[in-house]
């Protein structure tokens, strides 16, 4: 096996003066490109499979059919609210959550694929992972409010706490919901003022538009 000095010396010279050691040409121009291509293909197939699985779960939930794997879980209880007769808003809620899940899955697959490709071309990935961890911690401290707003928005949509057209009291503003985002909810009050309420700042929501459940006989009377 060639020494490190011999293996990498050709990179420091012009291409027309390259004198590749035995096996280096095959490794750099055949083996590694094929390996990188296979990594990319596998990543695309994995991303496609995950997206198909999420789409299938969302579609079946919208039709009222809950996968048996989820039927006895907390997620199954939430999806059970999407059985036949559910409103379009609730079906839209399932599609929104499916979109969020696909975005997260795509980001994870892209990150892992990038690291594998860098490792394949000879880049030392340990310092990159360490730096990414430190950067992630720093961003986590700096973006706490953003993460809080995002998670609160996810649960607002998932639990159907409010929807477009509802009259709600968020504690900060009272009015009709014009838009529900993952970070901010937009309301318009009776005076026409538009309020942008951060989801993470909402402690309670009073919804005047959601129907009340039928009252049954109390205490057996």
C-alpha atoms as a PDB file:
ATOM      1  CA  UNK A   1       0.000   0.000   0.000  1.00  0.00           C
ATOM      2  CA  UNK A   2       1.394   3.414  -0.949  1.00  0.00           C
ATOM      3  CA  UNK A   3       2.465   5.781   1.799  1.00  0.00           C
ATOM      4  CA  UNK A   4       0.286   8.860   2.483  1.00  0.00           C
ATOM      5  CA  UNK A   5       2.941  11.089   0.896  1.00  0.00           C
ATOM      6  CA  UNK A   6       2.966   9.023  -2.301  1.00  0.00           C
ATOM      7  CA  UNK A   7      -0.818   8.635  -2.325  1.00  0.00           C
ATOM      8  CA  UNK A   8      -1.573  12.368  -2.191  1.00  0.00           C
ATOM      9  CA  UNK A   9       1.483  13.870  -3.950  1.00  0.00           C
ATOM     10  CA  UNK A  10      -0.240  13.858  -7.344  1.00  0.00           C
ATOM     11  CA  UNK A  11      -2.897  16.294  -6.097  1.00  0.00           C
ATOM     12  CA  UNK A  12      -0.284  19.039  -5.616  1.00  0.00           C
ATOM     13  CA  UNK A  13       0.807  18.910  -9.281  1.00  0.00           C
ATOM     14  CA  UNK A  14      -1.009  20.048 -12.444  1.00  0.00           C
ATOM     15  CA  UNK A  15      -3.344  17.447 -13.970  1.00  0.00           C
ATOM     16  CA  UNK A  16      -1.084  16.950 -16.998  1.00  0.00           C
ATOM     17  CA  UNK A  17       1.825  15.977 -14.696  1.00  0.00           C
ATOM     18  CA  UNK A  18      -0.167  13.559 -12.522  1.00  0.00           C
ATOM     19  CA  UNK A  19       1.561  10.264 -11.879  1.00  0.00           C
ATOM     20  CA  UNK A  20      -1.052   8.295 -10.056  1.00  0.00           C
ATOM     21  CA  UNK A  21       0.094   5.445  -7.807  1.00  0.00           C
ATOM     22  CA  UNK A  22      -1.158   1.989  -8.584  1.00  0.00           C
ATOM     23  CA  UNK A  23      -4.845   1.683  -7.844  1.00  0.00           C
ATOM     24  CA  UNK A  24      -5.400   5.406  -7.166  1.00  0.00           C
ATOM     25  CA  UNK A  25      -6.952   6.102 -10.572  1.00  0.00           C
ATOM     26  CA  UNK A  26      -9.427   3.241 -10.172  1.00  0.00           C
ATOM     27  CA  UNK A  27     -10.288   4.335  -6.632  1.00  0.00           C
ATOM     28  CA  UNK A  28     -10.877   8.022  -7.457  1.00  0.00           C
ATOM     29  CA  UNK A  29     -12.499   7.715 -10.865  1.00  0.00           C
ATOM     30  CA  UNK A  30     -14.417   4.449 -10.564  1.00  0.00           C
ATOM     31  CA  UNK A  31     -14.842   3.050  -7.046  1.00  0.00           C
ATOM     32  CA  UNK A  32     -15.632   6.240  -5.136  1.00  0.00           C
ATOM     33  CA  UNK A  33     -17.979   7.769  -7.758  1.00  0.00           C
ATOM     34  CA  UNK A  34     -19.911   4.504  -7.874  1.00  0.00           C
ATOM     35  CA  UNK A  35     -20.123   4.408  -4.071  1.00  0.00           C
ATOM     36  CA  UNK A  36     -21.328   8.022  -3.946  1.00  0.00           C
ATOM     37  CA  UNK A  37     -23.903   7.314  -6.673  1.00  0.00           C
ATOM     38  CA  UNK A  38     -25.196   4.315  -4.725  1.00  0.00           C
ATOM     39  CA  UNK A  39     -25.473   6.424  -1.563  1.00  0.00           C
ATOM     40  CA  UNK A  40     -27.504   9.063  -3.428  1.00  0.00           C
ATOM     41  CA  UNK A  41     -29.769   6.439  -5.006  1.00  0.00           C
ATOM     42  CA  UNK A  42     -30.389   4.737  -1.660  1.00  0.00           C
ATOM     43  CA  UNK A  43     -31.145   8.128  -0.052  1.00  0.00           C
ATOM     44  CA  UNK A  44     -33.666   8.971  -2.782  1.00  0.00           C
ATOM     45  CA  UNK A  45     -35.323   5.578  -2.459  1.00  0.00           C
ATOM     46  CA  UNK A  46     -35.487   5.920   1.341  1.00  0.00           C
ATOM     47  CA  UNK A  47     -36.962   9.424   1.107  1.00  0.00           C
ATOM     48  CA  UNK A  48     -39.522   8.241  -1.456  1.00  0.00           C
ATOM     49  CA  UNK A  49     -40.491   5.266   0.726  1.00  0.00           C
ATOM     50  CA  UNK A  50     -40.935   7.440   3.817  1.00  0.00           C
ATOM     51  CA  UNK A  51     -43.026   9.970   1.878  1.00  0.00           C
ATOM     52  CA  UNK A  52     -45.218   7.206   0.476  1.00  0.00           C
ATOM     53  CA  UNK A  53     -45.732   5.743   3.954  1.00  0.00           C
ATOM     54  CA  UNK A  54     -46.681   9.135   5.412  1.00  0.00           C
ATOM     55  CA  UNK A  55     -49.050   9.858   2.496  1.00  0.00           C
ATOM     56  CA  UNK A  56     -50.693   6.461   2.957  1.00  0.00           C
ATOM     57  CA  UNK A  57     -51.240   7.027   6.689  1.00  0.00           C
ATOM     58  CA  UNK A  58     -52.654  10.524   6.112  1.00  0.00           C
ATOM     59  CA  UNK A  59     -54.939   9.317   3.319  1.00  0.00           C
ATOM     60  CA  UNK A  60     -56.251   6.383   5.331  1.00  0.00           C
ATOM     61  CA  UNK A  61     -56.765   8.631   8.348  1.00  0.00           C
ATOM     62  CA  UNK A  62     -58.769  11.061   6.221  1.00  0.00           C
ATOM     63  CA  UNK A  63     -60.910   8.183   5.013  1.00  0.00           C
ATOM     64  CA  UNK A  64     -61.486   6.981   8.580  1.00  0.00           C
ATOM     65  CA  UNK A  65     -59.234   3.911   8.359  1.00  0.00           C
ATOM     66  CA  UNK A  66     -56.512   3.855  11.019  1.00  0.00           C
ATOM     67  CA  UNK A  67     -53.509   1.522  10.566  1.00  0.00           C
ATOM     68  CA  UNK A  68     -53.581  -1.325  13.083  1.00  0.00           C
ATOM     69  CA  UNK A  69     -50.068  -0.437  14.220  1.00  0.00           C
ATOM     70  CA  UNK A  70     -51.319   2.975  15.404  1.00  0.00           C
ATOM     71  CA  UNK A  71     -54.805   1.972  16.514  1.00  0.00           C
ATOM     72  CA  UNK A  72     -53.820   1.320  20.145  1.00  0.00           C
ATOM     73  CA  UNK A  73     -51.457   4.265  20.521  1.00  0.00           C
ATOM     74  CA  UNK A  74     -51.908   7.931  21.416  1.00  0.00           C
ATOM     75  CA  UNK A  75     -51.476   8.800  17.739  1.00  0.00           C
ATOM     76  CA  UNK A  76     -54.310   6.411  16.955  1.00  0.00           C
ATOM     77  CA  UNK A  77     -56.602   8.203  19.371  1.00  0.00           C
ATOM     78  CA  UNK A  78     -55.847  11.499  17.619  1.00  0.00           C
ATOM     79  CA  UNK A  79     -56.343  10.014  14.153  1.00  0.00           C
ATOM     80  CA  UNK A  80     -59.607   8.424  15.273  1.00  0.00           C
ATOM     81  CA  UNK A  81     -61.043  11.908  15.201  1.00  0.00           C
ATOM     82  CA  UNK A  82     -60.679  11.805  11.408  1.00  0.00           C
ATOM     83  CA  UNK A  83     -63.229   9.048  10.703  1.00  0.00           C
ATOM     84  CA  UNK A  84     -66.020   9.458   8.083  1.00  0.00           C
ATOM     85  CA  UNK A  85     -68.096  12.572   8.637  1.00  0.00           C
ATOM     86  CA  UNK A  86     -65.149  14.644   9.851  1.00  0.00           C
ATOM     87  CA  UNK A  87     -64.928  18.202   8.625  1.00  0.00           C
ATOM     88  CA  UNK A  88     -62.660  19.328   5.816  1.00  0.00           C
ATOM     89  CA  UNK A  89     -60.693  21.298   8.377  1.00  0.00           C
ATOM     90  CA  UNK A  90     -59.728  18.163  10.249  1.00  0.00           C
ATOM     91  CA  UNK A  91     -58.711  16.378   7.080  1.00  0.00           C
ATOM     92  CA  UNK A  92     -56.651  19.448   6.213  1.00  0.00           C
ATOM     93  CA  UNK A  93     -55.080  19.161   9.653  1.00  0.00           C
ATOM     94  CA  UNK A  94     -53.930  15.617   8.853  1.00  0.00           C
ATOM     95  CA  UNK A  95     -52.431  16.784   5.560  1.00  0.00           C
ATOM     96  CA  UNK A  96     -50.598  19.602   7.328  1.00  0.00           C
ATOM     97  CA  UNK A  97     -49.083  17.218   9.850  1.00  0.00           C
ATOM     98  CA  UNK A  98     -48.109  14.866   7.030  1.00  0.00           C
ATOM     99  CA  UNK A  99     -46.313  17.728   5.287  1.00  0.00           C
ATOM    100  CA  UNK A 100     -44.413  18.562   8.475  1.00  0.00           C
ATOM    101  CA  UNK A 101     -43.373  14.929   8.963  1.00  0.00           C
ATOM    102  CA  UNK A 102     -42.139  14.662   5.367  1.00  0.00           C
ATOM    103  CA  UNK A 103     -40.095  17.839   5.738  1.00  0.00           C
ATOM    104  CA  UNK A 104     -38.447  16.540   8.903  1.00  0.00           C
ATOM    105  CA  UNK A 105     -37.748  13.149   7.311  1.00  0.00           C
ATOM    106  CA  UNK A 106     -36.231  14.799   4.217  1.00  0.00           C
ATOM    107  CA  UNK A 107     -33.943  16.947   6.380  1.00  0.00           C
ATOM    108  CA  UNK A 108     -32.718  13.907   8.334  1.00  0.00           C
ATOM    109  CA  UNK A 109     -32.081  11.856   5.180  1.00  0.00           C
ATOM    110  CA  UNK A 110     -30.254  14.775   3.539  1.00  0.00           C
ATOM    111  CA  UNK A 111     -28.036  15.295   6.591  1.00  0.00           C
ATOM    112  CA  UNK A 112     -27.066  11.633   6.859  1.00  0.00           C
ATOM    113  CA  UNK A 113     -26.451  11.392   3.100  1.00  0.00           C
ATOM    114  CA  UNK A 114     -24.194  14.461   3.123  1.00  0.00           C
ATOM    115  CA  UNK A 115     -22.083  13.047   5.951  1.00  0.00           C
ATOM    116  CA  UNK A 116     -21.738   9.688   4.198  1.00  0.00           C
ATOM    117  CA  UNK A 117     -20.646  11.352   0.946  1.00  0.00           C
ATOM    118  CA  UNK A 118     -18.072  13.513   2.734  1.00  0.00           C
ATOM    119  CA  UNK A 119     -16.695  10.437   4.471  1.00  0.00           C
ATOM    120  CA  UNK A 120     -16.527   8.598   1.132  1.00  0.00           C
ATOM    121  CA  UNK A 121     -14.384  11.294  -0.512  1.00  0.00           C
ATOM    122  CA  UNK A 122     -11.959  11.238   2.393  1.00  0.00           C
ATOM    123  CA  UNK A 123     -13.122  14.190   4.483  1.00  0.00           C
ATOM    124  CA  UNK A 124     -12.719  13.730   8.225  1.00  0.00           C
ATOM    125  CA  UNK A 125     -16.310  13.918   9.459  1.00  0.00           C
ATOM    126  CA  UNK A 126     -15.605  13.697  13.208  1.00  0.00           C
ATOM    127  CA  UNK A 127     -14.728  17.418  13.530  1.00  0.00           C
ATOM    128  CA  UNK A 128     -17.760  18.285  11.386  1.00  0.00           C
ATOM    129  CA  UNK A 129     -20.068  16.294  13.658  1.00  0.00           C
ATOM    130  CA  UNK A 130     -18.502  17.878  16.737  1.00  0.00           C
ATOM    131  CA  UNK A 131     -18.854  21.366  15.270  1.00  0.00           C
ATOM    132  CA  UNK A 132     -22.427  20.639  14.209  1.00  0.00           C
ATOM    133  CA  UNK A 133     -23.239  19.516  17.744  1.00  0.00           C
ATOM    134  CA  UNK A 134     -21.791  22.683  19.255  1.00  0.00           C
ATOM    135  CA  UNK A 135     -23.566  24.820  16.644  1.00  0.00           C
ATOM    136  CA  UNK A 136     -26.807  22.984  17.316  1.00  0.00           C
ATOM    137  CA  UNK A 137     -26.552  23.670  21.040  1.00  0.00           C
ATOM    138  CA  UNK A 138     -25.816  27.352  20.364  1.00  0.00           C
ATOM    139  CA  UNK A 139     -28.730  27.641  17.955  1.00  0.00           C
ATOM    140  CA  UNK A 140     -30.919  25.784  20.432  1.00  0.00           C
ATOM    141  CA  UNK A 141     -30.268  28.412  23.096  1.00  0.00           C
ATOM    142  CA  UNK A 142     -30.699  31.248  20.615  1.00  0.00           C
ATOM    143  CA  UNK A 143     -33.836  29.855  18.992  1.00  0.00           C
ATOM    144  CA  UNK A 144     -35.696  28.619  22.053  1.00  0.00           C
ATOM    145  CA  UNK A 145     -38.679  30.854  21.327  1.00  0.00           C
ATOM    146  CA  UNK A 146     -38.822  29.689  17.712  1.00  0.00           C
ATOM    147  CA  UNK A 147     -38.766  26.024  18.721  1.00  0.00           C
ATOM    148  CA  UNK A 148     -41.387  26.682  21.395  1.00  0.00           C
ATOM    149  CA  UNK A 149     -43.656  28.453  18.885  1.00  0.00           C
ATOM    150  CA  UNK A 150     -43.178  25.687  16.321  1.00  0.00           C
ATOM    151  CA  UNK A 151     -44.010  22.848  18.716  1.00  0.00           C
ATOM    152  CA  UNK A 152     -47.020  24.732  20.074  1.00  0.00           C
ATOM    153  CA  UNK A 153     -48.266  25.288  16.507  1.00  0.00           C
ATOM    154  CA  UNK A 154     -47.881  21.597  15.711  1.00  0.00           C
ATOM    155  CA  UNK A 155     -50.008  20.604  18.695  1.00  0.00           C
ATOM    156  CA  UNK A 156     -52.584  23.308  17.959  1.00  0.00           C
ATOM    157  CA  UNK A 157     -53.099  21.821  14.506  1.00  0.00           C
ATOM    158  CA  UNK A 158     -52.848  18.214  15.655  1.00  0.00           C
ATOM    159  CA  UNK A 159     -55.389  18.675  18.464  1.00  0.00           C
ATOM    160  CA  UNK A 160     -57.672  20.919  16.372  1.00  0.00           C
ATOM    161  CA  UNK A 161     -57.711  23.637  19.012  1.00  0.00           C
ATOM    162  CA  UNK A 162     -58.701  26.260  16.438  1.00  0.00           C
ATOM    163  CA  UNK A 163     -59.216  26.685  12.730  1.00  0.00           C
ATOM    164  CA  UNK A 164     -59.701  29.357  10.102  1.00  0.00           C
ATOM    165  CA  UNK A 165     -63.027  31.121  10.651  1.00  0.00           C
ATOM    166  CA  UNK A 166     -63.284  30.301  14.370  1.00  0.00           C
ATOM    167  CA  UNK A 167     -63.956  33.020  16.929  1.00  0.00           C
ATOM    168  CA  UNK A 168     -61.363  32.507  19.630  1.00  0.00           C
ATOM    169  CA  UNK A 169     -59.929  34.099  22.761  1.00  0.00           C
ATOM    170  CA  UNK A 170     -56.201  33.433  23.067  1.00  0.00           C
ATOM    171  CA  UNK A 171     -55.726  35.514  26.183  1.00  0.00           C
ATOM    172  CA  UNK A 172     -53.750  38.060  24.158  1.00  0.00           C
ATOM    173  CA  UNK A 173     -56.418  38.869  21.556  1.00  0.00           C
ATOM    174  CA  UNK A 174     -60.013  38.002  20.729  1.00  0.00           C
ATOM    175  CA  UNK A 175     -61.209  37.719  17.157  1.00  0.00           C
ATOM    176  CA  UNK A 176     -61.748  35.567  14.095  1.00  0.00           C
ATOM    177  CA  UNK A 177     -58.905  33.290  12.999  1.00  0.00           C
ATOM    178  CA  UNK A 178     -57.665  34.245   9.542  1.00  0.00           C
ATOM    179  CA  UNK A 179     -54.620  31.956   9.359  1.00  0.00           C
ATOM    180  CA  UNK A 180     -53.065  29.233  11.483  1.00  0.00           C
ATOM    181  CA  UNK A 181     -49.330  28.775  11.019  1.00  0.00           C
ATOM    182  CA  UNK A 182     -46.765  26.622  12.770  1.00  0.00           C
ATOM    183  CA  UNK A 183     -45.264  29.706  14.423  1.00  0.00           C
ATOM    184  CA  UNK A 184     -47.891  32.482  14.364  1.00  0.00           C
ATOM    185  CA  UNK A 185     -51.698  32.600  14.384  1.00  0.00           C
ATOM    186  CA  UNK A 186     -53.378  35.603  12.751  1.00  0.00           C
ATOM    187  CA  UNK A 187     -56.592  37.013  14.232  1.00  0.00           C
ATOM    188  CA  UNK A 188     -58.846  39.918  13.284  1.00  0.00           C
ATOM    189  CA  UNK A 189     -60.859  41.513  16.091  1.00  0.00           C
ATOM    190  CA  UNK A 190     -64.264  43.224  15.913  1.00  0.00           C
ATOM    191  CA  UNK A 191     -62.610  46.598  15.199  1.00  0.00           C
ATOM    192  CA  UNK A 192     -60.754  45.221  12.189  1.00  0.00           C
ATOM    193  CA  UNK A 193     -57.349  45.140  13.872  1.00  0.00           C
ATOM    194  CA  UNK A 194     -55.146  42.234  12.798  1.00  0.00           C
ATOM    195  CA  UNK A 195     -53.309  40.464  15.622  1.00  0.00           C
ATOM    196  CA  UNK A 196     -50.332  38.161  15.146  1.00  0.00           C
ATOM    197  CA  UNK A 197     -50.134  35.851  18.147  1.00  0.00           C
ATOM    198  CA  UNK A 198     -47.084  33.643  18.684  1.00  0.00           C
ATOM    199  CA  UNK A 199     -48.243  30.098  19.286  1.00  0.00           C
ATOM    200  CA  UNK A 200     -45.733  29.565  22.085  1.00  0.00           C
ATOM    201  CA  UNK A 201     -47.209  32.476  24.045  1.00  0.00           C
ATOM    202  CA  UNK A 202     -50.738  31.057  24.048  1.00  0.00           C
ATOM    203  CA  UNK A 203     -51.503  29.449  27.403  1.00  0.00           C
ATOM    204  CA  UNK A 204     -55.215  28.892  26.869  1.00  0.00           C
ATOM    205  CA  UNK A 205     -57.641  29.099  23.955  1.00  0.00           C
ATOM    206  CA  UNK A 206     -61.361  29.762  24.222  1.00  0.00           C
ATOM    207  CA  UNK A 207     -63.094  28.658  21.007  1.00  0.00           C
ATOM    208  CA  UNK A 208     -66.647  29.979  20.583  1.00  0.00           C
ATOM    209  CA  UNK A 209     -67.179  28.265  17.226  1.00  0.00           C
ATOM    210  CA  UNK A 210     -66.686  24.604  18.049  1.00  0.00           C
ATOM    211  CA  UNK A 211     -69.897  22.703  18.698  1.00  0.00           C
ATOM    212  CA  UNK A 212     -70.695  21.469  22.193  1.00  0.00           C
ATOM    213  CA  UNK A 213     -71.142  17.749  22.840  1.00  0.00           C
ATOM    214  CA  UNK A 214     -74.642  16.574  23.563  1.00  0.00           C
ATOM    215  CA  UNK A 215     -75.517  16.548  27.224  1.00  0.00           C
ATOM    216  CA  UNK A 216     -76.563  13.166  28.532  1.00  0.00           C
ATOM    217  CA  UNK A 217     -78.578  12.475  31.660  1.00  0.00           C
ATOM    218  CA  UNK A 218     -76.694  13.507  34.774  1.00  0.00           C
ATOM    219  CA  UNK A 219     -76.263  11.084  37.682  1.00  0.00           C
ATOM    220  CA  UNK A 220     -78.627   8.593  36.081  1.00  0.00           C
ATOM    221  CA  UNK A 221     -81.622  10.992  36.110  1.00  0.00           C
END
